[in-house]
Amino acid sequence: MSRLERRYRWLLRAYPTGYRSDYGDELLGVLLDRAEPTRVSPPVREAWALVLGGVRARIVEAAQGPAWTDGIHLGVMVLSLFNFAVLIPYASSVPVWLGMSGLVVLCVLRGRLGLAIPLALLTGVKVVAITLGKPWLDETLLPVFADAPWEGMPALYGNGGPLAPLASWLLMILGLVALAIREERPRRRSWWWLLAVPLVAGTDPAWLDLVAGSPAAVVRVGLETVLLLAAVYAGHVTGDSRWGLAAALYLLPASAVLIETMATAGRQDVAHWGLLLLLTGAATAVPLRARRHVLL
């Protein structure tokens, strides 16, 4: 295998497995036939087109099944990942609840709704109890302070109240119940989603300090922006509303954070919420425009 062929094969991995099985060899043959004999790397424009084509193919493949079911499941999954990440710096103080929150993430990823619902219910009630200063089910020492690697962080949910955590966990539970009532097991999500956890570990949306240039806060806002832009693009490509629905589920707890901290919120907090609102609105509106354009 030549170096050029290896690089083309690597670029073709952007396409879904099924697409590569059906058309990969044919597409590779066309690319190699058109290449100059002395070339060892694909042209930049051609490489970009292959990657973009693969991403579009993956988006189209993902837009299968009922949009509202898949959108709720996707939104619940994102909420479960971010809620789990908030607890990580406090692992030694709440190990059981951190483990249960991690199990919720795995159950949601793999579509195990029957197990995810009771785990989410128990963990959500415990989280709300911590925000209210109540030791529930076990004798958790309150307030809950971060472990050594995260020393200096506020106490768990120390800069906010119960409204935002309650909204986040309640939305998760209601979404899981709605999916379970349908009696149709949602699709399994990619394990790649777990990479979001270390990126946002320890970032409570109630105290994102962007003015101070906190790396964790910047990374979280950057990840939110990338995911929401991806939702906008996916809606544009497919005219499908599932990504907008997932974005709306994420926006609701973020709105609860702003409402709860309105008295102390600064411009950065309002700007952060405004960015989420703008991108969520775009992710919701773009599919409608795309479908209208197709009809016209």
Protein backbone atom coordinates (compact mmCIF):
# COMPACT_ATOMS: atom_id res chain seq x y z
CA MET A 1 0.00 0.00 0.00
CA SER A 2 1.43 3.36 -1.03
CA ARG A 3 1.66 6.32 1.30
CA LEU A 4 -0.99 8.14 -0.73
CA GLU A 5 -3.40 5.22 -0.46
CA ARG A 6 -2.89 4.99 3.30
CA ARG A 7 -3.66 8.67 3.69
CA TYR A 8 -6.75 8.42 1.51
CA ARG A 9 -7.95 5.46 3.59
CA TRP A 10 -7.37 7.46 6.74
CA LEU A 11 -9.46 10.35 5.36
CA LEU A 12 -12.23 7.97 4.30
CA ARG A 13 -12.64 6.97 7.94
CA ALA A 14 -14.67 10.17 8.26
CA TYR A 15 -17.48 8.27 6.52
CA PRO A 16 -19.74 5.83 8.39
CA THR A 17 -18.71 2.17 8.44
CA GLY A 18 -21.64 1.09 6.27
CA TYR A 19 -20.86 3.72 3.67
CA ARG A 20 -17.22 2.65 3.52
CA SER A 21 -18.24 -0.99 3.13
CA ASP A 22 -20.54 -0.17 0.20
CA TYR A 23 -18.63 2.56 -1.60
CA GLY A 24 -15.21 2.90 0.04
CA ASP A 25 -13.19 0.80 -2.42
CA GLU A 26 -14.88 2.39 -5.40
CA LEU A 27 -14.27 5.90 -4.10
CA LEU A 28 -10.66 5.06 -3.23
CA GLY A 29 -10.08 3.71 -6.72
CA VAL A 30 -11.39 6.91 -8.31
CA LEU A 31 -9.21 9.06 -6.04
CA LEU A 32 -6.06 7.04 -6.81
CA ASP A 33 -6.76 7.00 -10.56
CA ARG A 34 -7.09 10.79 -10.62
CA ALA A 35 -3.97 11.40 -8.50
CA GLU A 36 -0.69 12.47 -10.04
CA PRO A 37 1.88 9.62 -10.16
CA THR A 38 4.36 11.45 -7.94
CA ARG A 39 1.88 12.67 -5.33
CA VAL A 40 2.29 11.29 -1.80
CA SER A 41 -0.39 13.37 -0.01
CA PRO A 42 -3.95 14.33 -1.01
CA PRO A 43 -4.46 17.97 -2.00
CA VAL A 44 -5.71 20.09 0.90
CA ARG A 45 -8.94 21.00 -0.88
CA GLU A 46 -9.64 17.36 -1.70
CA ALA A 47 -8.86 16.24 1.86
CA TRP A 48 -11.20 18.88 3.26
CA ALA A 49 -13.96 17.82 0.85
CA LEU A 50 -13.58 14.18 1.92
CA VAL A 51 -13.77 15.02 5.62
CA LEU A 52 -16.76 17.32 5.11
CA GLY A 53 -18.49 14.70 2.98
CA GLY A 54 -17.90 12.09 5.68
CA VAL A 55 -19.31 14.37 8.37
CA ARG A 56 -22.39 15.07 6.26
CA ALA A 57 -22.85 11.35 5.64
CA ARG A 58 -22.66 10.66 9.38
CA ILE A 59 -25.20 13.41 10.09
CA VAL A 60 -27.62 12.03 7.51
CA GLU A 61 -27.18 8.56 8.96
CA ALA A 62 -27.87 9.90 12.46
CA ALA A 63 -31.14 11.50 11.35
CA GLN A 64 -33.00 8.20 11.45
CA GLY A 65 -36.07 7.28 13.47
CA PRO A 66 -38.51 9.60 15.27
CA ALA A 67 -36.91 13.01 15.70
CA TRP A 68 -38.48 13.84 19.06
CA THR A 69 -37.47 10.50 20.61
CA ASP A 70 -33.88 10.77 19.47
CA GLY A 71 -33.71 14.47 20.37
CA ILE A 72 -34.89 13.83 23.93
CA HIS A 73 -32.44 10.97 24.32
CA LEU A 74 -29.57 13.11 23.03
CA GLY A 75 -30.48 15.98 25.35
CA VAL A 76 -30.78 13.66 28.35
CA MET A 77 -27.40 12.15 27.53
CA VAL A 78 -25.69 15.56 27.42
CA LEU A 79 -27.31 16.57 30.72
CA SER A 80 -26.21 13.30 32.34
CA LEU A 81 -22.61 13.82 31.19
CA PHE A 82 -22.42 17.38 32.49
CA ASN A 83 -24.15 16.54 35.80
CA PHE A 84 -21.72 13.69 36.36
CA ALA A 85 -18.75 15.95 35.61
CA VAL A 86 -19.85 18.46 38.27
CA LEU A 87 -19.48 15.79 41.00
CA ILE A 88 -16.00 14.55 40.04
CA PRO A 89 -13.93 17.00 42.17
CA TYR A 90 -15.90 15.89 45.25
CA ALA A 91 -15.38 12.15 44.74
CA SER A 92 -14.01 11.38 48.20
CA SER A 93 -16.99 13.02 49.91
CA VAL A 94 -19.77 11.59 47.74
CA PRO A 95 -18.25 8.41 46.22
CA VAL A 96 -21.53 6.47 46.15
CA TRP A 97 -23.44 9.25 44.44
CA LEU A 98 -20.63 9.91 42.00
CA GLY A 99 -20.68 6.22 41.09
CA MET A 100 -24.45 6.23 40.67
CA SER A 101 -24.27 9.33 38.49
CA GLY A 102 -21.62 7.58 36.37
CA LEU A 103 -23.92 4.56 36.04
CA VAL A 104 -26.69 6.87 34.85
CA VAL A 105 -24.37 8.12 32.11
CA LEU A 106 -23.53 4.57 31.00
CA CYS A 107 -27.17 3.47 31.07
CA VAL A 108 -28.26 6.46 29.01
CA LEU A 109 -25.42 5.93 26.52
CA ARG A 110 -26.41 2.30 26.01
CA GLY A 111 -30.17 2.88 26.09
CA ARG A 112 -30.84 1.04 29.39
CA LEU A 113 -33.78 3.18 30.46
CA GLY A 114 -35.20 0.79 33.05
CA LEU A 115 -32.02 0.99 35.10
CA ALA A 116 -31.28 4.64 34.38
CA ILE A 117 -34.58 5.96 35.81
CA PRO A 118 -34.26 4.76 39.44
CA LEU A 119 -30.55 5.62 39.53
CA ALA A 120 -31.26 9.14 38.22
CA LEU A 121 -34.14 9.58 40.65
CA LEU A 122 -32.07 8.60 43.70
CA THR A 123 -29.05 10.66 42.64
CA GLY A 124 -31.17 13.66 41.71
CA VAL A 125 -32.92 13.70 45.08
CA LYS A 126 -29.53 13.44 46.82
CA VAL A 127 -28.16 16.34 44.78
CA VAL A 128 -31.13 18.54 45.65
CA ALA A 129 -30.76 17.53 49.31
CA ILE A 130 -27.12 18.69 49.23
CA THR A 131 -28.16 22.06 47.79
CA LEU A 132 -30.67 22.41 50.63
CA GLY A 133 -28.12 21.39 53.27
CA LYS A 134 -29.97 18.20 54.18
CA PRO A 135 -28.12 14.87 54.74
CA TRP A 136 -30.38 12.42 52.94
CA LEU A 137 -29.93 8.61 52.89
CA ASP A 138 -26.34 8.82 54.14
CA GLU A 139 -24.53 11.11 56.55
CA THR A 140 -22.81 13.34 54.02
CA LEU A 141 -20.72 16.02 55.73
CA LEU A 142 -22.05 19.37 54.54
CA PRO A 143 -20.85 21.55 52.94
CA VAL A 144 -19.07 19.25 50.52
CA PHE A 145 -15.59 20.53 49.68
CA ALA A 146 -13.44 19.58 46.70
CA ASP A 147 -10.59 17.06 46.84
CA ALA A 148 -6.91 17.99 46.75
CA PRO A 149 -6.45 18.42 42.96
CA TRP A 150 -9.33 20.92 42.94
CA GLU A 151 -8.61 22.74 46.19
CA GLY A 152 -9.83 26.31 46.20
CA MET A 153 -13.04 25.53 44.34
CA PRO A 154 -16.34 26.48 45.99
CA ALA A 155 -18.25 23.85 47.92
CA LEU A 156 -20.46 21.57 45.85
CA TYR A 157 -23.36 23.73 44.59
CA GLY A 158 -22.08 26.37 47.02
CA ASN A 159 -22.53 29.34 44.70
CA GLY A 160 -26.04 28.51 43.61
CA GLY A 161 -29.31 27.23 44.96
CA PRO A 162 -31.48 24.18 44.38
CA LEU A 163 -33.35 25.48 41.32
CA ALA A 164 -30.73 24.79 38.62
CA PRO A 165 -29.69 21.29 39.83
CA LEU A 166 -33.35 20.43 40.35
CA ALA A 167 -34.23 21.57 36.82
CA SER A 168 -31.35 19.60 35.30
CA TRP A 169 -32.04 16.32 37.10
CA LEU A 170 -35.81 16.66 36.78
CA LEU A 171 -35.54 17.17 33.03
CA MET A 172 -33.33 14.09 32.81
CA ILE A 173 -35.81 11.96 34.75
CA LEU A 174 -38.85 13.22 32.84
CA GLY A 175 -37.04 12.63 29.55
CA LEU A 176 -36.12 9.08 30.56
CA VAL A 177 -39.70 8.37 31.65
CA ALA A 178 -41.07 9.74 28.37
CA LEU A 179 -38.71 7.49 26.42
CA ALA A 180 -39.56 4.46 28.59
CA ILE A 181 -43.31 4.96 28.11
CA ARG A 182 -42.78 4.75 24.37
CA GLU A 183 -41.37 1.25 24.92
CA GLU A 184 -38.87 1.72 22.13
CA ARG A 185 -35.26 1.37 23.16
CA PRO A 186 -33.24 4.37 21.97
CA ARG A 187 -30.12 3.94 19.93
CA ARG A 188 -26.77 3.35 21.53
CA ARG A 189 -24.57 6.41 21.58
CA SER A 190 -20.89 6.47 20.76
CA TRP A 191 -18.36 6.03 23.56
CA TRP A 192 -16.64 9.14 22.18
CA TRP A 193 -19.18 11.21 24.11
CA LEU A 194 -17.35 10.29 27.32
CA LEU A 195 -14.48 12.55 26.25
CA ALA A 196 -16.68 15.48 27.27
CA VAL A 197 -16.48 14.46 30.94
CA PRO A 198 -12.81 15.34 31.64
CA LEU A 199 -13.21 18.53 29.63
CA VAL A 200 -15.96 19.89 31.88
CA ALA A 201 -15.08 18.13 35.17
CA GLY A 202 -15.70 20.44 38.10
CA THR A 203 -17.39 23.22 36.11
CA ASP A 204 -20.62 24.18 37.83
CA PRO A 205 -22.54 26.56 35.53
CA ALA A 206 -23.47 28.66 38.58
CA TRP A 207 -19.86 29.85 38.97
CA LEU A 208 -18.27 29.93 35.53
CA ASP A 209 -15.62 32.64 35.96
CA LEU A 210 -14.82 33.75 32.43
CA VAL A 211 -13.53 37.18 33.44
CA ALA A 212 -10.74 35.60 35.47
CA GLY A 213 -9.82 33.45 32.48
CA SER A 214 -10.47 30.18 34.29
CA PRO A 215 -9.26 27.44 31.89
CA ALA A 216 -12.04 25.08 32.98
CA ALA A 217 -14.70 27.73 32.37
CA VAL A 218 -13.26 28.62 28.96
CA VAL A 219 -13.12 24.95 27.94
CA ARG A 220 -16.73 24.36 29.03
CA VAL A 221 -18.06 27.38 27.15
CA GLY A 222 -15.97 26.37 24.13
CA LEU A 223 -17.38 22.84 24.21
CA GLU A 224 -20.94 24.16 24.55
CA THR A 225 -20.37 26.44 21.56
CA VAL A 226 -18.90 23.65 19.41
CA LEU A 227 -21.75 21.26 20.21
CA LEU A 228 -24.43 23.86 19.54
CA LEU A 229 -22.79 24.93 16.26
CA ALA A 230 -22.73 21.25 15.30
CA ALA A 231 -26.46 21.10 16.10
CA VAL A 232 -27.08 24.11 13.84
CA TYR A 233 -25.10 22.55 11.00
CA ALA A 234 -26.80 19.17 11.40
CA GLY A 235 -30.20 20.84 11.25
CA HIS A 236 -29.14 22.70 8.11
CA VAL A 237 -27.94 19.52 6.40
CA THR A 238 -30.95 17.35 7.21
CA GLY A 239 -33.82 19.72 7.97
CA ASP A 240 -34.33 17.61 11.09
CA SER A 241 -35.32 19.12 14.45
CA ARG A 242 -33.84 16.51 16.82
CA TRP A 243 -30.68 18.50 17.47
CA GLY A 244 -32.64 21.66 18.21
CA LEU A 245 -34.75 19.73 20.72
CA ALA A 246 -31.63 18.41 22.45
CA ALA A 247 -30.20 21.95 22.58
CA ALA A 248 -33.44 23.27 24.12
CA LEU A 249 -33.24 20.66 26.88
CA TYR A 250 -29.74 21.88 27.70
CA LEU A 251 -30.81 25.54 27.62
CA LEU A 252 -33.53 25.13 30.27
CA PRO A 253 -31.18 24.35 33.20
CA ALA A 254 -28.84 27.10 31.99
CA SER A 255 -31.80 29.50 32.15
CA ALA A 256 -32.56 28.29 35.68
CA VAL A 257 -28.96 29.15 36.64
CA LEU A 258 -29.38 32.71 35.38
CA ILE A 259 -32.74 33.13 37.14
CA GLU A 260 -31.31 31.81 40.40
CA THR A 261 -28.18 33.97 40.33
CA MET A 262 -29.77 37.07 38.78
CA ALA A 263 -28.97 39.23 41.83
CA THR A 264 -25.24 38.56 41.52
CA ALA A 265 -24.95 37.79 37.80
CA GLY A 266 -22.49 39.90 35.84
CA ARG A 267 -22.31 40.78 32.16
CA GLN A 268 -20.32 37.61 31.42
CA ASP A 269 -23.10 35.44 32.87
CA VAL A 270 -25.78 37.19 30.83
CA ALA A 271 -23.58 37.05 27.72
CA HIS A 272 -22.99 33.33 28.25
CA TRP A 273 -26.70 32.67 28.54
CA GLY A 274 -27.36 34.89 25.51
CA LEU A 275 -24.87 32.86 23.46
CA LEU A 276 -26.62 29.62 24.45
CA LEU A 277 -30.01 31.15 23.61
CA LEU A 278 -28.82 32.42 20.23
CA LEU A 279 -27.31 29.10 19.17
CA THR A 280 -30.26 27.09 20.50
CA GLY A 281 -32.64 29.35 18.60
CA ALA A 282 -30.59 28.84 15.45
CA ALA A 283 -30.54 25.05 15.95
CA THR A 284 -34.33 25.15 16.26
CA ALA A 285 -35.04 27.55 13.40
CA VAL A 286 -32.55 26.36 10.77
CA PRO A 287 -34.26 22.97 10.20
CA LEU A 288 -37.60 24.72 9.64
CA ARG A 289 -36.00 27.00 7.07
CA ALA A 290 -34.26 24.04 5.41
CA ARG A 291 -37.54 22.11 5.09
CA ARG A 292 -39.34 25.19 3.74
CA HIS A 293 -36.57 25.65 1.16
CA VAL A 294 -36.97 22.02 0.03
CA LEU A 295 -40.75 22.46 -0.32
CA LEU A 296 -40.28 25.60 -2.38
